[in-house]
Amino acid sequence: MGDRKNAYPIGVFDSGIGGLTVAQAIVAELPQEKLVYFGDTAHLPYGDKSTAAIQAYAVKICDLLLRQHCKVILIACNSASAAAYELVKEYVGSKARVLNVIDPVVEHIGKTYAGKTIGLIGTKQTVNSNVYLKKIDGLDLDITLKSHATPLLAAMIEEGFFNDSISENVIHAYLSAPELQGIEALILGCTHYPLIKKQIENYYKGKVDVLDASQIVAKHVRRFLEANDLTSGELLSDHAFYVSDFTRSFEESTRIFFKRQVHLEHYPLWE
């Protein structure tokens, strides 16, 4: 039997509500764990913010999650994982374990695609940071990574444009870019993109594996909790969802991302 700390929640934070795709996958994988979610909707998207700004936001969000006694903090945003993971780990110290959404995906690629050519789409921050490139090169498995920044996608999805002709056109324009030709798998390097996974798969007609990071990350979190004896026996109270800036449209989109009704609590972290 683990100690009382095992019943503590898993903290998940993102620049907006995109990280709810990861939260949803974690709840499906670990139904007995309580989640505390923070979406920094006042600052989204992180993809076009500076590294220093993202680091400052991340540290302040971690303060909130530590006050909520989170045993694990998952940075559910690729841009923040790229910009702030090392800093957050240092800042949080022994108070909680810190995970990101990039390492589990890199590990999965190493196991599955040695010697192959892989594509990556994500925000400018994620692509320009070269974080995936460095980590995949570091595996030394002769994997070629072709990256392409797709900055319109996150905002488009957040505004509810998916499964329609507008999103079809934008997705096709991006995926037909010369940078992404000749790939065998595509990393969806942004937490919003699972919502357009079907459209991307339709574009490739089964010729390219479309990798949904939220599923890969959720399985990683489960393995991590088990390996560190941190799993909770039962869900004692309901999940909590905070946003730094509240709008109706977030509440609407939240249902789509999380696949069920969610009560968003406005937590003005920046006032």
C-alpha atoms as a PDB file:
ATOM      1  CA  MET A   1       0.000   0.000   0.000  1.00  0.00           C
ATOM      2  CA  GLY A   2       1.486   3.368  -1.026  1.00  0.00           C
ATOM      3  CA  ASP A   3       1.408   6.322   1.346  1.00  0.00           C
ATOM      4  CA  ARG A   4      -1.116   9.168   1.453  1.00  0.00           C
ATOM      5  CA  LYS A   5       0.783  10.946  -1.267  1.00  0.00           C
ATOM      6  CA  ASN A   6      -0.464   8.372  -3.777  1.00  0.00           C
ATOM      7  CA  ALA A   7      -3.952   9.858  -3.567  1.00  0.00           C
ATOM      8  CA  TYR A   8      -2.575  13.279  -4.536  1.00  0.00           C
ATOM      9  CA  PRO A   9      -3.504  14.533  -8.012  1.00  0.00           C
ATOM     10  CA  ILE A  10      -1.628  14.674 -11.295  1.00  0.00           C
ATOM     11  CA  GLY A  11      -1.161  18.275 -12.412  1.00  0.00           C
ATOM     12  CA  VAL A  12      -1.420  18.970 -16.139  1.00  0.00           C
ATOM     13  CA  PHE A  13      -0.802  22.373 -17.702  1.00  0.00           C
ATOM     14  CA  ASP A  14      -0.993  23.772 -21.195  1.00  0.00           C
ATOM     15  CA  SER A  15      -1.110  27.106 -22.970  1.00  0.00           C
ATOM     16  CA  GLY A  16      -4.848  26.672 -23.499  1.00  0.00           C
ATOM     17  CA  ILE A  17      -7.306  23.849 -23.737  1.00  0.00           C
ATOM     18  CA  GLY A  18      -5.353  21.737 -26.224  1.00  0.00           C
ATOM     19  CA  GLY A  19      -3.761  19.819 -23.362  1.00  0.00           C
ATOM     20  CA  LEU A  20      -7.199  18.447 -22.526  1.00  0.00           C
ATOM     21  CA  THR A  21      -6.561  15.861 -25.262  1.00  0.00           C
ATOM     22  CA  VAL A  22      -3.700  14.594 -23.070  1.00  0.00           C
ATOM     23  CA  ALA A  23      -5.811  14.901 -19.905  1.00  0.00           C
ATOM     24  CA  GLN A  24      -8.589  12.896 -21.543  1.00  0.00           C
ATOM     25  CA  ALA A  25      -6.162  10.157 -22.595  1.00  0.00           C
ATOM     26  CA  ILE A  26      -4.736  10.012 -19.043  1.00  0.00           C
ATOM     27  CA  VAL A  27      -8.221   9.678 -17.503  1.00  0.00           C
ATOM     28  CA  ALA A  28      -8.992   6.835 -19.925  1.00  0.00           C
ATOM     29  CA  GLU A  29      -5.685   5.125 -19.088  1.00  0.00           C
ATOM     30  CA  LEU A  30      -5.780   5.869 -15.311  1.00  0.00           C
ATOM     31  CA  PRO A  31      -9.425   6.232 -14.225  1.00  0.00           C
ATOM     32  CA  GLN A  32      -8.502   6.170 -10.528  1.00  0.00           C
ATOM     33  CA  GLU A  33      -6.229   9.244 -10.707  1.00  0.00           C
ATOM     34  CA  LYS A  34      -7.440  12.767  -9.951  1.00  0.00           C
ATOM     35  CA  LEU A  35      -6.379  15.480 -12.414  1.00  0.00           C
ATOM     36  CA  VAL A  36      -5.818  19.179 -11.787  1.00  0.00           C
ATOM     37  CA  TYR A  37      -5.691  20.946 -15.139  1.00  0.00           C
ATOM     38  CA  PHE A  38      -4.493  24.485 -15.737  1.00  0.00           C
ATOM     39  CA  GLY A  39      -4.930  26.133 -19.132  1.00  0.00           C
ATOM     40  CA  ASP A  40      -3.088  29.433 -19.478  1.00  0.00           C
ATOM     41  CA  THR A  41      -5.706  30.808 -21.839  1.00  0.00           C
ATOM     42  CA  ALA A  42      -4.637  34.396 -21.090  1.00  0.00           C
ATOM     43  CA  HIS A  43      -1.359  33.739 -22.930  1.00  0.00           C
ATOM     44  CA  LEU A  44      -2.183  31.312 -25.679  1.00  0.00           C
ATOM     45  CA  PRO A  45      -0.743  30.394 -28.029  1.00  0.00           C
ATOM     46  CA  TYR A  46       2.659  29.700 -26.458  1.00  0.00           C
ATOM     47  CA  GLY A  47       3.948  28.796 -29.909  1.00  0.00           C
ATOM     48  CA  ASP A  48       4.808  32.385 -30.781  1.00  0.00           C
ATOM     49  CA  LYS A  49       6.033  33.482 -27.321  1.00  0.00           C
ATOM     50  CA  SER A  50       9.696  33.836 -26.357  1.00  0.00           C
ATOM     51  CA  THR A  51      11.438  31.112 -24.359  1.00  0.00           C
ATOM     52  CA  ALA A  52      11.864  33.506 -21.410  1.00  0.00           C
ATOM     53  CA  ALA A  53       8.148  34.339 -21.351  1.00  0.00           C
ATOM     54  CA  ILE A  54       7.109  30.679 -21.452  1.00  0.00           C
ATOM     55  CA  GLN A  55       9.528  29.887 -18.617  1.00  0.00           C
ATOM     56  CA  ALA A  56       8.052  32.672 -16.484  1.00  0.00           C
ATOM     57  CA  TYR A  57       4.491  31.426 -17.078  1.00  0.00           C
ATOM     58  CA  ALA A  58       5.470  27.819 -16.366  1.00  0.00           C
ATOM     59  CA  VAL A  59       7.064  28.598 -13.002  1.00  0.00           C
ATOM     60  CA  LYS A  60       4.020  30.522 -11.824  1.00  0.00           C
ATOM     61  CA  ILE A  61       1.651  27.753 -12.942  1.00  0.00           C
ATOM     62  CA  CYS A  62       3.778  25.188 -11.080  1.00  0.00           C
ATOM     63  CA  ASP A  63       3.328  27.213  -7.874  1.00  0.00           C
ATOM     64  CA  LEU A  64      -0.426  26.769  -8.222  1.00  0.00           C
ATOM     65  CA  LEU A  65      -0.118  23.034  -8.969  1.00  0.00           C
ATOM     66  CA  LEU A  66       2.197  22.523  -5.994  1.00  0.00           C
ATOM     67  CA  ARG A  67      -0.317  24.304  -3.755  1.00  0.00           C
ATOM     68  CA  GLN A  68      -2.822  21.707  -4.963  1.00  0.00           C
ATOM     69  CA  HIS A  69      -0.404  18.976  -3.750  1.00  0.00           C
ATOM     70  CA  CYS A  70       0.215  17.498  -7.217  1.00  0.00           C
ATOM     71  CA  LYS A  71       2.499  14.447  -7.008  1.00  0.00           C
ATOM     72  CA  VAL A  72       3.341  14.660 -10.712  1.00  0.00           C
ATOM     73  CA  ILE A  73       3.317  17.708 -12.986  1.00  0.00           C
ATOM     74  CA  LEU A  74       2.943  17.021 -16.691  1.00  0.00           C
ATOM     75  CA  ILE A  75       3.817  19.841 -19.081  1.00  0.00           C
ATOM     76  CA  ALA A  76       1.161  19.011 -21.659  1.00  0.00           C
ATOM     77  CA  CYS A  77       2.250  21.653 -24.139  1.00  0.00           C
ATOM     78  CA  ASN A  78       4.994  20.959 -26.688  1.00  0.00           C
ATOM     79  CA  SER A  79       6.134  24.592 -26.771  1.00  0.00           C
ATOM     80  CA  ALA A  80       6.420  24.689 -22.964  1.00  0.00           C
ATOM     81  CA  SER A  81       8.041  21.231 -22.876  1.00  0.00           C
ATOM     82  CA  ALA A  82      10.660  22.547 -25.288  1.00  0.00           C
ATOM     83  CA  ALA A  83      11.188  25.860 -23.496  1.00  0.00           C
ATOM     84  CA  ALA A  84      10.740  25.153 -19.799  1.00  0.00           C
ATOM     85  CA  TYR A  85      11.089  21.458 -18.890  1.00  0.00           C
ATOM     86  CA  GLU A  86      14.636  21.637 -17.491  1.00  0.00           C
ATOM     87  CA  LEU A  87      13.883  24.845 -15.592  1.00  0.00           C
ATOM     88  CA  VAL A  88      10.629  23.526 -14.130  1.00  0.00           C
ATOM     89  CA  LYS A  89      12.318  20.307 -13.014  1.00  0.00           C
ATOM     90  CA  GLU A  90      14.928  22.340 -11.167  1.00  0.00           C
ATOM     91  CA  TYR A  91      12.342  24.730  -9.731  1.00  0.00           C
ATOM     92  CA  VAL A  92      10.001  22.006  -8.462  1.00  0.00           C
ATOM     93  CA  GLY A  93      12.896  19.999  -7.014  1.00  0.00           C
ATOM     94  CA  SER A  94      11.737  17.115  -4.826  1.00  0.00           C
ATOM     95  CA  LYS A  95       8.218  18.518  -4.295  1.00  0.00           C
ATOM     96  CA  ALA A  96       6.805  16.712  -7.347  1.00  0.00           C
ATOM     97  CA  ARG A  97       7.945  14.690 -10.349  1.00  0.00           C
ATOM     98  CA  VAL A  98       7.947  16.524 -13.662  1.00  0.00           C
ATOM     99  CA  LEU A  99       7.135  14.944 -17.036  1.00  0.00           C
ATOM    100  CA  ASN A 100       6.886  16.416 -20.521  1.00  0.00           C
ATOM    101  CA  VAL A 101       5.147  15.410 -23.745  1.00  0.00           C
ATOM    102  CA  ILE A 102       8.254  15.207 -25.936  1.00  0.00           C
ATOM    103  CA  ASP A 103      10.407  12.492 -24.339  1.00  0.00           C
ATOM    104  CA  PRO A 104       7.722   9.747 -24.429  1.00  0.00           C
ATOM    105  CA  VAL A 105       7.156  10.409 -28.141  1.00  0.00           C
ATOM    106  CA  VAL A 106      10.895  10.339 -28.916  1.00  0.00           C
ATOM    107  CA  GLU A 107      11.189   7.058 -27.012  1.00  0.00           C
ATOM    108  CA  HIS A 108       8.258   5.585 -28.996  1.00  0.00           C
ATOM    109  CA  ILE A 109       9.856   6.656 -32.268  1.00  0.00           C
ATOM    110  CA  GLY A 110      13.155   5.073 -31.298  1.00  0.00           C
ATOM    111  CA  LYS A 111      11.414   1.763 -30.621  1.00  0.00           C
ATOM    112  CA  THR A 112       9.353   1.807 -33.808  1.00  0.00           C
ATOM    113  CA  TYR A 113      11.109   3.698 -36.599  1.00  0.00           C
ATOM    114  CA  ALA A 114      14.863   3.025 -36.563  1.00  0.00           C
ATOM    115  CA  GLY A 115      16.374   3.870 -39.972  1.00  0.00           C
ATOM    116  CA  LYS A 116      13.177   5.549 -41.195  1.00  0.00           C
ATOM    117  CA  THR A 117      12.123   9.051 -42.237  1.00  0.00           C
ATOM    118  CA  ILE A 118       9.645  10.760 -39.925  1.00  0.00           C
ATOM    119  CA  GLY A 119       7.727  14.034 -40.228  1.00  0.00           C
ATOM    120  CA  LEU A 120       6.867  16.537 -37.507  1.00  0.00           C
ATOM    121  CA  ILE A 121       4.283  19.308 -37.479  1.00  0.00           C
ATOM    122  CA  GLY A 122       3.943  21.795 -34.614  1.00  0.00           C
ATOM    123  CA  THR A 123       4.125  25.448 -33.647  1.00  0.00           C
ATOM    124  CA  LYS A 124       7.026  27.694 -34.651  1.00  0.00           C
ATOM    125  CA  GLN A 125       8.374  27.471 -31.090  1.00  0.00           C
ATOM    126  CA  THR A 126       8.382  23.659 -31.135  1.00  0.00           C
ATOM    127  CA  VAL A 127       9.833  23.314 -34.637  1.00  0.00           C
ATOM    128  CA  ASN A 128      12.403  26.130 -34.355  1.00  0.00           C
ATOM    129  CA  SER A 129      13.634  24.925 -30.963  1.00  0.00           C
ATOM    130  CA  ASN A 130      14.837  21.775 -32.788  1.00  0.00           C
ATOM    131  CA  VAL A 131      14.094  19.865 -29.601  1.00  0.00           C
ATOM    132  CA  TYR A 132      12.705  16.821 -31.446  1.00  0.00           C
ATOM    133  CA  LEU A 133      15.583  16.896 -33.909  1.00  0.00           C
ATOM    134  CA  LYS A 134      18.228  16.954 -31.167  1.00  0.00           C
ATOM    135  CA  LYS A 135      16.568  14.210 -29.149  1.00  0.00           C
ATOM    136  CA  ILE A 136      15.939  11.958 -32.151  1.00  0.00           C
ATOM    137  CA  ASP A 137      19.504  12.472 -33.406  1.00  0.00           C
ATOM    138  CA  GLY A 138      20.635  11.639 -29.875  1.00  0.00           C
ATOM    139  CA  LEU A 139      19.058   8.183 -30.208  1.00  0.00           C
ATOM    140  CA  ASP A 140      21.647   7.432 -32.897  1.00  0.00           C
ATOM    141  CA  LEU A 141      19.225   5.162 -34.786  1.00  0.00           C
ATOM    142  CA  ASP A 142      19.612   6.699 -38.244  1.00  0.00           C
ATOM    143  CA  ILE A 143      16.170   8.316 -38.123  1.00  0.00           C
ATOM    144  CA  THR A 144      15.672  11.283 -40.465  1.00  0.00           C
ATOM    145  CA  LEU A 145      13.331  13.986 -39.145  1.00  0.00           C
ATOM    146  CA  LYS A 146      11.572  16.389 -41.512  1.00  0.00           C
ATOM    147  CA  SER A 147       9.907  19.260 -39.642  1.00  0.00           C
ATOM    148  CA  HIS A 148       7.381  21.830 -40.788  1.00  0.00           C
ATOM    149  CA  ALA A 149       5.856  24.619 -38.670  1.00  0.00           C
ATOM    150  CA  THR A 150       2.062  24.749 -38.990  1.00  0.00           C
ATOM    151  CA  PRO A 151       1.182  27.871 -36.976  1.00  0.00           C
ATOM    152  CA  LEU A 152      -2.433  28.260 -38.118  1.00  0.00           C
ATOM    153  CA  LEU A 153      -3.587  24.846 -36.927  1.00  0.00           C
ATOM    154  CA  ALA A 154      -3.808  25.375 -33.151  1.00  0.00           C
ATOM    155  CA  ALA A 155      -5.741  28.642 -33.398  1.00  0.00           C
ATOM    156  CA  MET A 156      -7.998  27.141 -36.069  1.00  0.00           C
ATOM    157  CA  ILE A 157      -8.849  24.150 -33.859  1.00  0.00           C
ATOM    158  CA  GLU A 158      -9.325  26.338 -30.767  1.00  0.00           C
ATOM    159  CA  GLU A 159     -11.883  28.341 -32.749  1.00  0.00           C
ATOM    160  CA  GLY A 160     -13.769  25.146 -33.556  1.00  0.00           C
ATOM    161  CA  PHE A 161     -12.682  24.765 -37.178  1.00  0.00           C
ATOM    162  CA  PHE A 162     -12.158  21.071 -37.774  1.00  0.00           C
ATOM    163  CA  ASN A 163     -13.960  18.468 -39.858  1.00  0.00           C
ATOM    164  CA  ASP A 164     -14.980  21.209 -42.276  1.00  0.00           C
ATOM    165  CA  SER A 165     -13.814  22.612 -45.604  1.00  0.00           C
ATOM    166  CA  ILE A 166     -11.762  25.441 -44.087  1.00  0.00           C
ATOM    167  CA  SER A 167      -9.659  23.076 -42.005  1.00  0.00           C
ATOM    168  CA  GLU A 168      -9.406  20.641 -44.940  1.00  0.00           C
ATOM    169  CA  ASN A 169      -7.835  23.381 -47.066  1.00  0.00           C
ATOM    170  CA  VAL A 170      -5.393  24.505 -44.384  1.00  0.00           C
ATOM    171  CA  ILE A 171      -4.352  20.942 -43.521  1.00  0.00           C
ATOM    172  CA  HIS A 172      -3.817  20.060 -47.191  1.00  0.00           C
ATOM    173  CA  ALA A 173      -1.795  23.211 -47.785  1.00  0.00           C
ATOM    174  CA  TYR A 174       0.519  22.355 -44.880  1.00  0.00           C
ATOM    175  CA  LEU A 175       0.866  18.603 -45.494  1.00  0.00           C
ATOM    176  CA  SER A 176       1.646  19.060 -49.183  1.00  0.00           C
ATOM    177  CA  ALA A 177       4.681  21.223 -48.300  1.00  0.00           C
ATOM    178  CA  PRO A 178       7.944  19.969 -49.866  1.00  0.00           C
ATOM    179  CA  GLU A 179       9.442  19.679 -46.351  1.00  0.00           C
ATOM    180  CA  LEU A 180       7.112  16.795 -45.479  1.00  0.00           C
ATOM    181  CA  GLN A 181       7.478  14.579 -48.522  1.00  0.00           C
ATOM    182  CA  GLY A 182       8.691  10.978 -48.293  1.00  0.00           C
ATOM    183  CA  ILE A 183       7.831  10.351 -44.647  1.00  0.00           C
ATOM    184  CA  GLU A 184       6.621   7.059 -43.142  1.00  0.00           C
ATOM    185  CA  ALA A 185       5.165   8.508 -39.944  1.00  0.00           C
ATOM    186  CA  LEU A 186       4.040  11.960 -38.797  1.00  0.00           C
ATOM    187  CA  ILE A 187       4.387  13.262 -35.237  1.00  0.00           C
ATOM    188  CA  LEU A 188       1.454  15.471 -34.251  1.00  0.00           C
ATOM    189  CA  GLY A 189       3.694  17.814 -32.251  1.00  0.00           C
ATOM    190  CA  CYS A 190       0.935  19.857 -30.624  1.00  0.00           C
ATOM    191  CA  THR A 191      -1.757  18.849 -28.161  1.00  0.00           C
ATOM    192  CA  HIS A 192      -4.509  20.324 -30.345  1.00  0.00           C
ATOM    193  CA  TYR A 193      -3.796  18.102 -33.297  1.00  0.00           C
ATOM    194  CA  PRO A 194      -5.502  14.883 -32.131  1.00  0.00           C
ATOM    195  CA  LEU A 195      -8.741  16.678 -33.005  1.00  0.00           C
ATOM    196  CA  ILE A 196      -7.698  16.754 -36.662  1.00  0.00           C
ATOM    197  CA  LYS A 197      -6.055  13.328 -36.641  1.00  0.00           C
ATOM    198  CA  LYS A 198      -8.846  11.805 -38.755  1.00  0.00           C
ATOM    199  CA  GLN A 199      -8.509  14.538 -41.372  1.00  0.00           C
ATOM    200  CA  ILE A 200      -4.736  14.038 -41.497  1.00  0.00           C
ATOM    201  CA  GLU A 201      -5.157  10.259 -41.804  1.00  0.00           C
ATOM    202  CA  ASN A 202      -7.648  10.790 -44.639  1.00  0.00           C
ATOM    203  CA  TYR A 203      -5.096  12.953 -46.425  1.00  0.00           C
ATOM    204  CA  TYR A 204      -2.467  10.184 -46.243  1.00  0.00           C
ATOM    205  CA  LYS A 205      -4.918   7.352 -47.041  1.00  0.00           C
ATOM    206  CA  GLY A 206      -3.118   4.903 -44.767  1.00  0.00           C
ATOM    207  CA  LYS A 207       0.360   5.444 -46.303  1.00  0.00           C
ATOM    208  CA  VAL A 208       1.723   7.331 -43.258  1.00  0.00           C
ATOM    209  CA  ASP A 209       1.378   6.456 -39.557  1.00  0.00           C
ATOM    210  CA  VAL A 210      -0.155   9.445 -37.801  1.00  0.00           C
ATOM    211  CA  LEU A 211       1.183   9.489 -34.232  1.00  0.00           C
ATOM    212  CA  ASP A 212      -1.209  10.808 -31.593  1.00  0.00           C
ATOM    213  CA  ALA A 213       1.087  11.988 -28.811  1.00  0.00           C
ATOM    214  CA  SER A 214      -1.728  12.116 -26.243  1.00  0.00           C
ATOM    215  CA  GLN A 215      -2.093   8.302 -26.296  1.00  0.00           C
ATOM    216  CA  ILE A 216       1.673   7.757 -26.150  1.00  0.00           C
ATOM    217  CA  VAL A 217       2.057  10.224 -23.261  1.00  0.00           C
ATOM    218  CA  ALA A 218      -0.858   8.736 -21.263  1.00  0.00           C
ATOM    219  CA  LYS A 219       0.692   5.262 -21.439  1.00  0.00           C
ATOM    220  CA  HIS A 220       4.027   6.750 -20.365  1.00  0.00           C
ATOM    221  CA  VAL A 221       2.398   8.426 -17.339  1.00  0.00           C
ATOM    222  CA  ARG A 222       0.829   5.121 -16.304  1.00  0.00           C
ATOM    223  CA  ARG A 223       4.168   3.287 -16.579  1.00  0.00           C
ATOM    224  CA  PHE A 224       5.886   6.103 -14.667  1.00  0.00           C
ATOM    225  CA  LEU A 225       3.388   5.984 -11.777  1.00  0.00           C
ATOM    226  CA  GLU A 226       3.654   2.196 -11.576  1.00  0.00           C
ATOM    227  CA  ALA A 227       7.457   2.191 -11.682  1.00  0.00           C
ATOM    228  CA  ASN A 228       7.642   4.818  -8.913  1.00  0.00           C
ATOM    229  CA  ASP A 229       4.890   3.329  -6.737  1.00  0.00           C
ATOM    230  CA  LEU A 230       2.772   6.476  -7.093  1.00  0.00           C
ATOM    231  CA  THR A 231      -0.522   5.007  -8.342  1.00  0.00           C
ATOM    232  CA  SER A 232      -3.693   5.963  -6.522  1.00  0.00           C
ATOM    233  CA  GLY A 233      -6.096   3.272  -5.296  1.00  0.00           C
ATOM    234  CA  GLU A 234      -9.276   5.184  -6.049  1.00  0.00           C
ATOM    235  CA  LEU A 235     -10.594   8.498  -7.336  1.00  0.00           C
ATOM    236  CA  LEU A 236     -11.569  10.346  -4.139  1.00  0.00           C
ATOM    237  CA  SER A 237     -12.735  13.665  -5.585  1.00  0.00           C
ATOM    238  CA  ASP A 238     -13.503  14.999  -9.035  1.00  0.00           C
ATOM    239  CA  HIS A 239     -11.018  16.513 -11.468  1.00  0.00           C
ATOM    240  CA  ALA A 240     -10.428  20.268 -11.286  1.00  0.00           C
ATOM    241  CA  PHE A 241     -10.038  22.504 -14.329  1.00  0.00           C
ATOM    242  CA  TYR A 242      -8.672  26.042 -14.173  1.00  0.00           C
ATOM    243  CA  VAL A 243      -8.151  28.635 -16.891  1.00  0.00           C
ATOM    244  CA  SER A 244      -6.346  31.952 -16.534  1.00  0.00           C
ATOM    245  CA  ASP A 245      -8.829  33.748 -18.783  1.00  0.00           C
ATOM    246  CA  PHE A 246     -12.432  32.650 -19.119  1.00  0.00           C
ATOM    247  CA  THR A 247     -14.550  32.826 -22.239  1.00  0.00           C
ATOM    248  CA  ARG A 248     -17.707  30.989 -23.265  1.00  0.00           C
ATOM    249  CA  SER A 249     -16.002  29.557 -26.331  1.00  0.00           C
ATOM    250  CA  PHE A 250     -13.409  27.808 -24.148  1.00  0.00           C
ATOM    251  CA  GLU A 251     -16.184  26.106 -22.226  1.00  0.00           C
ATOM    252  CA  GLU A 252     -17.744  24.998 -25.527  1.00  0.00           C
ATOM    253  CA  SER A 253     -14.460  23.688 -26.969  1.00  0.00           C
ATOM    254  CA  THR A 254     -13.522  22.062 -23.682  1.00  0.00           C
ATOM    255  CA  ARG A 255     -16.357  19.566 -24.051  1.00  0.00           C
ATOM    256  CA  ILE A 256     -15.039  18.595 -27.484  1.00  0.00           C
ATOM    257  CA  PHE A 257     -11.444  18.217 -26.274  1.00  0.00           C
ATOM    258  CA  PHE A 258     -12.277  16.352 -23.071  1.00  0.00           C
ATOM    259  CA  LYS A 259     -15.225  14.388 -24.531  1.00  0.00           C
ATOM    260  CA  ARG A 260     -17.523  15.274 -21.637  1.00  0.00           C
ATOM    261  CA  GLN A 261     -18.943  18.201 -19.673  1.00  0.00           C
ATOM    262  CA  VAL A 262     -16.308  20.105 -17.716  1.00  0.00           C
ATOM    263  CA  HIS A 263     -16.702  22.945 -15.241  1.00  0.00           C
ATOM    264  CA  LEU A 264     -13.969  25.484 -15.971  1.00  0.00           C
ATOM    265  CA  GLU A 265     -12.957  27.577 -13.006  1.00  0.00           C
ATOM    266  CA  HIS A 266     -11.536  31.017 -13.711  1.00  0.00           C
ATOM    267  CA  TYR A 267      -8.243  31.356 -11.826  1.00  0.00           C
ATOM    268  CA  PRO A 268      -6.736  34.748 -12.694  1.00  0.00           C
ATOM    269  CA  LEU A 269      -3.093  33.915 -12.112  1.00  0.00           C
ATOM    270  CA  TRP A 270      -1.855  37.113 -13.748  1.00  0.00           C
ATOM    271  CA  GLU A 271      -3.669  39.817 -11.774  1.00  0.00           C
END
